[in-house]
Amino acid sequence: MNVKLSFSSSAKVWEDITWVYGIEEAGFDGWEIVSDGNYRLENPDSFRNVQEVLSTTRLLASVHAPYGDLNLATLNDPIWRESVRQIKTCIEHAAPLTDRVTIHPGYISPVGKMMPEKVWALQKEALREIGKCASEHGVLACLENMISYKEFLCRFPEELIGMTEGIEGIGMTFDFGHANTVGKVGEFLRYVDRADHIHIHDNHGVTDEHLALGDGTIDWKSTGRAIASGFKGKRIVIEGRSIEEAKRSLAVFRREFM
C-alpha cells in the first residue's frame, strides 16, 4: 500500500511538544497536528514550535482544525460566523505546512431541531466559504464523518457525500472509528475510493474511545484489506492516546493493510 502513515493525538494538545519526536521514533511518516491547546496555529509561539519540530524531523504534516465549542450549522449567526472564521484562520496558517486539513461538521442544537432544513443549509453555506478559502491557499478541507450522537450532521456516508459534493476546495475524511460507533464501517468501505483522507482507531461500537487498533471490535483484517485495495489518497492517520498505543496500532497496520 503506497501511502504515508501519520499519528495524531487530541489527548495531548496541552502537553509539551517534545512528545511529538516519539512519533518519528515509533516509525511513522507524519504528524497530524490538532490545532488546539498548545498547537493553535494562529498563535505565533505555537506555530514556531510546530515549525521547529517539523524542521528537525522528517515528519510530514497534516492538520485537524479546531472543533471545541464551534458549530458550522448553528442558527445563532454570530456563533456561525465565528465558527467559520476560526476554520478559515486555521486553513490559512496550515497552508505553509500541508495541503490537507480535516474539519468537523456542525450539529443540530435544541433550537435547530425546529428548523432542520435551515441547519443543513447553513452547513452547506459554511463549506462554500471554507472551500473558497481552502482553494485560495492550495489546501483541501476534508469534512469528517461523525460519531453516534444523533445531533451531529454527517454520521452516514450518504450524508457526508451529499454535503460535500460539488464544492470546490472541500473533500472528505473517512473516520472508521467514528463509523464503527454508528455501525457503518462496511457502508463507508463501499465508498472508500472517494475518500481524500482517512482516520483509523478502534472502539467497542458505542463511544469514541480512540483505542489502539485491535483493542476494540473493528475487524481490521477485512477493513485493512478493503482500505488498502480501494483508497486512492496519499495519507492515513492513526489517531490515539499515547505513543505506546501508537506502536501497537502500527504493528496491526503493517500486518493487515499491506
Protein backbone atom coordinates (compact mmCIF):
# COMPACT_ATOMS: atom_id res chain seq x y z
CA MET A 1 0.00 0.00 0.00
CA ASN A 2 1.65 3.22 -1.17
CA VAL A 3 0.52 5.70 1.49
CA LYS A 4 2.20 7.75 4.19
CA LEU A 5 1.12 6.89 7.73
CA SER A 6 0.74 9.60 10.37
CA PHE A 7 -0.15 9.70 14.05
CA SER A 8 -2.35 12.20 15.85
CA SER A 9 -3.46 12.62 19.45
CA SER A 10 -6.09 15.11 20.57
CA ALA A 11 -5.40 13.90 24.12
CA LYS A 12 -2.01 15.63 24.05
CA VAL A 13 -2.89 19.14 22.89
CA TRP A 14 -1.89 20.64 26.26
CA GLU A 15 1.35 18.68 26.62
CA ASP A 16 4.85 19.92 25.87
CA ILE A 17 5.64 19.46 22.19
CA THR A 18 8.62 17.19 22.83
CA TRP A 19 6.27 14.18 22.81
CA VAL A 20 5.99 14.58 19.02
CA TYR A 21 9.56 13.37 18.48
CA GLY A 22 8.32 9.96 19.60
CA ILE A 23 6.10 9.79 16.50
CA GLU A 24 9.11 9.60 14.21
CA GLU A 25 10.95 7.28 16.58
CA ALA A 26 7.96 4.90 16.51
CA GLY A 27 8.24 4.61 12.71
CA PHE A 28 5.52 6.95 11.43
CA ASP A 29 5.90 9.16 8.36
CA GLY A 30 3.91 12.12 9.64
CA TRP A 31 2.12 14.02 12.36
CA GLU A 32 -1.47 15.25 12.10
CA ILE A 33 -1.42 18.44 14.14
CA VAL A 34 -4.56 19.05 16.19
CA SER A 35 -4.78 22.84 16.05
CA ASP A 36 -5.90 23.33 19.62
CA GLY A 37 -4.42 23.86 23.07
CA ASN A 38 -0.66 24.38 22.74
CA TYR A 39 -0.86 23.83 18.98
CA ARG A 40 -3.23 26.57 17.80
CA LEU A 41 -1.51 27.50 14.56
CA GLU A 42 -2.61 31.15 14.68
CA ASN A 43 -0.61 31.55 17.91
CA PRO A 44 2.87 32.71 16.81
CA ASP A 45 4.71 30.86 19.57
CA SER A 46 2.81 27.64 18.90
CA PHE A 47 3.43 27.94 15.18
CA ARG A 48 7.17 28.41 15.72
CA ASN A 49 7.27 25.33 17.95
CA VAL A 50 5.48 23.27 15.31
CA GLN A 51 7.81 24.52 12.59
CA GLU A 52 10.84 23.65 14.71
CA VAL A 53 9.67 20.07 15.23
CA LEU A 54 8.93 19.63 11.54
CA SER A 55 12.29 21.11 10.52
CA THR A 56 14.23 18.84 12.89
CA THR A 57 12.44 15.63 11.86
CA ARG A 58 11.38 14.02 8.60
CA LEU A 59 7.73 14.15 9.64
CA LEU A 60 5.16 15.21 7.07
CA ALA A 61 2.32 17.37 8.36
CA SER A 62 -1.43 17.36 8.06
CA VAL A 63 -3.79 19.35 10.27
CA HIS A 64 -7.01 18.83 12.18
CA ALA A 65 -8.88 22.11 12.57
CA PRO A 66 -10.25 23.16 15.98
CA TYR A 67 -13.77 22.00 16.82
CA GLY A 68 -14.43 22.61 20.52
CA ASP A 69 -17.49 24.86 21.04
CA LEU A 70 -17.73 25.58 17.30
CA ASN A 71 -20.81 24.83 15.21
CA LEU A 72 -20.84 25.29 11.43
CA ALA A 73 -24.60 24.66 11.40
CA THR A 74 -25.83 26.88 14.24
CA LEU A 75 -28.80 29.21 13.77
CA ASN A 76 -27.02 31.74 16.01
CA ASP A 77 -25.47 33.95 13.35
CA PRO A 78 -22.56 35.47 15.36
CA ILE A 79 -21.50 31.98 16.53
CA TRP A 80 -21.86 30.62 12.98
CA ARG A 81 -19.63 33.39 11.63
CA GLU A 82 -17.06 32.89 14.37
CA SER A 83 -17.01 29.13 13.71
CA VAL A 84 -16.41 29.72 10.01
CA ARG A 85 -13.75 32.33 10.80
CA GLN A 86 -11.80 30.01 13.07
CA ILE A 87 -11.76 27.22 10.47
CA LYS A 88 -10.64 29.62 7.74
CA THR A 89 -7.94 31.05 10.01
CA CYS A 90 -6.66 27.55 10.70
CA ILE A 91 -6.53 26.78 6.98
CA GLU A 92 -4.60 29.98 6.25
CA HIS A 93 -1.97 29.12 8.86
CA ALA A 94 -1.88 25.43 7.93
CA ALA A 95 -1.21 26.13 4.25
CA PRO A 96 2.59 26.54 4.61
CA LEU A 97 2.71 23.15 6.33
CA THR A 98 0.27 20.90 4.45
CA ASP A 99 -2.36 20.52 1.75
CA ARG A 100 -4.83 18.58 3.96
CA VAL A 101 -6.95 19.99 6.79
CA THR A 102 -9.70 17.90 8.41
CA ILE A 103 -12.77 19.76 9.68
CA HIS A 104 -15.79 18.66 11.71
CA PRO A 105 -19.35 19.28 10.58
CA GLY A 106 -21.80 21.11 12.81
CA TYR A 107 -24.63 19.75 14.88
CA ILE A 108 -28.32 20.35 15.49
CA SER A 109 -28.92 22.40 18.63
CA PRO A 110 -32.22 22.31 20.55
CA VAL A 111 -33.27 25.42 18.63
CA GLY A 112 -32.07 23.89 15.37
CA LYS A 113 -34.41 20.92 15.82
CA MET A 114 -37.25 23.27 14.99
CA MET A 115 -35.68 24.15 11.61
CA PRO A 116 -33.59 21.16 10.47
CA GLU A 117 -33.61 22.17 6.81
CA LYS A 118 -32.09 25.54 7.74
CA VAL A 119 -29.41 23.78 9.79
CA TRP A 120 -28.31 21.65 6.83
CA ALA A 121 -28.38 24.72 4.55
CA LEU A 122 -26.14 26.65 6.94
CA GLN A 123 -23.65 23.77 7.00
CA LYS A 124 -23.57 23.84 3.19
CA GLU A 125 -23.04 27.59 3.15
CA ALA A 126 -20.22 27.28 5.68
CA LEU A 127 -18.50 24.74 3.44
CA ARG A 128 -18.76 27.06 0.44
CA GLU A 129 -16.96 29.81 2.37
CA ILE A 130 -14.39 27.42 3.81
CA GLY A 131 -13.84 25.73 0.45
CA LYS A 132 -13.17 29.06 -1.25
CA CYS A 133 -10.56 29.88 1.40
CA ALA A 134 -9.01 26.42 1.09
CA SER A 135 -8.75 26.70 -2.70
CA GLU A 136 -7.10 30.10 -2.46
CA HIS A 137 -4.45 28.63 -0.16
CA GLY A 138 -3.83 25.36 -2.03
CA VAL A 139 -5.49 23.25 0.66
CA LEU A 140 -8.23 20.61 0.57
CA ALA A 141 -10.52 20.98 3.59
CA CYS A 142 -11.83 17.48 4.32
CA LEU A 143 -15.15 17.15 6.12
CA GLU A 144 -15.16 14.22 8.56
CA ASN A 145 -17.96 11.79 9.35
CA MET A 146 -19.08 11.97 12.95
CA ILE A 147 -19.84 9.69 15.90
CA SER A 148 -23.14 8.18 17.02
CA TYR A 149 -24.70 11.22 18.71
CA LYS A 150 -27.82 11.85 16.66
CA GLU A 151 -27.40 15.63 16.85
CA PHE A 152 -24.26 15.52 14.69
CA LEU A 153 -24.56 16.02 10.95
CA CYS A 154 -22.81 13.68 8.51
CA ARG A 155 -22.77 10.45 10.52
CA PHE A 156 -23.52 8.35 7.45
CA PRO A 157 -21.68 8.10 4.11
CA GLU A 158 -24.62 9.35 2.06
CA GLU A 159 -24.87 12.47 4.23
CA LEU A 160 -21.14 13.17 4.01
CA ILE A 161 -21.03 12.69 0.25
CA GLY A 162 -24.17 14.74 -0.32
CA MET A 163 -22.92 17.58 1.85
CA THR A 164 -19.50 17.89 0.18
CA GLU A 165 -20.25 17.00 -3.44
CA GLY A 166 -19.55 19.74 -5.94
CA ILE A 167 -17.99 22.25 -3.52
CA GLU A 168 -14.57 23.43 -4.65
CA GLY A 169 -11.86 23.09 -2.03
CA ILE A 170 -13.85 20.57 0.03
CA GLY A 171 -13.06 16.86 0.29
CA MET A 172 -13.87 14.04 2.71
CA THR A 173 -12.10 12.43 5.65
CA PHE A 174 -13.43 8.93 6.35
CA ASP A 175 -13.01 8.13 10.04
CA PHE A 176 -13.51 4.40 10.56
CA GLY A 177 -13.52 4.65 14.34
CA HIS A 178 -16.42 7.10 14.08
CA ALA A 179 -18.09 4.83 11.53
CA ASN A 180 -17.94 1.93 13.98
CA THR A 181 -19.94 3.87 16.58
CA VAL A 182 -22.86 4.06 14.14
CA GLY A 183 -22.40 0.52 12.79
CA LYS A 184 -21.45 1.74 9.32
CA VAL A 185 -17.87 0.55 8.73
CA GLY A 186 -18.98 -1.64 5.81
CA GLU A 187 -21.00 1.18 4.26
CA PHE A 188 -18.05 3.58 4.39
CA LEU A 189 -15.78 0.92 2.89
CA ARG A 190 -18.07 0.75 -0.14
CA TYR A 191 -17.23 4.39 -0.86
CA VAL A 192 -13.58 4.32 0.25
CA ASP A 193 -12.32 5.11 -3.25
CA ARG A 194 -13.96 8.54 -2.86
CA ALA A 195 -12.19 9.41 0.40
CA ASP A 196 -9.47 12.07 0.29
CA HIS A 197 -8.09 11.34 3.76
CA ILE A 198 -8.55 8.55 6.32
CA HIS A 199 -8.50 8.31 10.11
CA ILE A 200 -8.32 4.94 11.87
CA HIS A 201 -8.66 3.97 15.53
CA ASP A 202 -10.70 1.41 17.47
CA ASN A 203 -13.63 1.28 19.88
CA HIS A 204 -16.36 -1.10 21.02
CA GLY A 205 -19.04 0.26 18.69
CA VAL A 206 -20.71 2.65 21.14
CA THR A 207 -18.49 5.61 22.03
CA ASP A 208 -15.43 7.29 20.51
CA GLU A 209 -12.74 5.63 22.63
CA HIS A 210 -9.72 6.16 20.33
CA LEU A 211 -8.26 2.78 21.27
CA ALA A 212 -5.26 1.16 19.64
CA LEU A 213 -6.08 -0.93 16.57
CA GLY A 214 -7.15 -4.37 17.73
CA ASP A 215 -8.35 -3.24 21.17
CA GLY A 216 -11.96 -2.76 20.03
CA THR A 217 -14.46 -4.50 17.77
CA ILE A 218 -13.41 -3.40 14.27
CA ASP A 219 -12.32 -6.31 12.08
CA TRP A 220 -9.03 -4.88 10.87
CA LYS A 221 -8.24 -7.85 8.68
CA SER A 222 -11.17 -7.21 6.34
CA THR A 223 -11.22 -3.44 6.89
CA GLY A 224 -7.49 -3.10 6.27
CA ARG A 225 -7.68 -5.18 3.12
CA ALA A 226 -10.58 -3.10 1.76
CA ILE A 227 -8.86 0.20 2.51
CA ALA A 228 -5.57 -1.00 1.01
CA SER A 229 -7.26 -2.04 -2.22
CA GLY A 230 -9.70 0.86 -2.57
CA PHE A 231 -8.22 4.02 -1.06
CA LYS A 232 -6.69 6.31 -3.67
CA GLY A 233 -5.42 9.02 -1.33
CA LYS A 234 -1.93 9.73 -0.04
CA ARG A 235 -2.20 9.57 3.75
CA ILE A 236 -3.78 7.60 6.55
CA VAL A 237 -3.76 8.86 10.13
CA ILE A 238 -3.81 6.61 13.18
CA GLU A 239 -5.46 8.54 15.98
CA GLY A 240 -4.65 7.52 19.53
CA ARG A 241 -3.92 8.44 23.10
CA SER A 242 -0.21 7.69 23.53
CA ILE A 243 2.96 6.74 21.69
CA GLU A 244 2.83 3.29 23.31
CA GLU A 245 -0.61 2.63 21.82
CA ALA A 246 0.54 4.16 18.53
CA LYS A 247 3.25 1.50 18.30
CA ARG A 248 0.72 -1.29 18.81
CA SER A 249 -1.55 0.23 16.18
CA LEU A 250 1.37 0.47 13.78
CA ALA A 251 2.05 -3.25 14.17
CA VAL A 252 -1.58 -4.05 13.32
CA PHE A 253 -1.47 -1.68 10.35
CA ARG A 254 1.66 -3.31 8.93
CA ARG A 255 0.09 -6.74 9.29
CA GLU A 256 -3.42 -6.03 7.98
CA PHE A 257 -3.08 -3.16 5.50
CA MET A 258 -0.11 -4.33 3.44
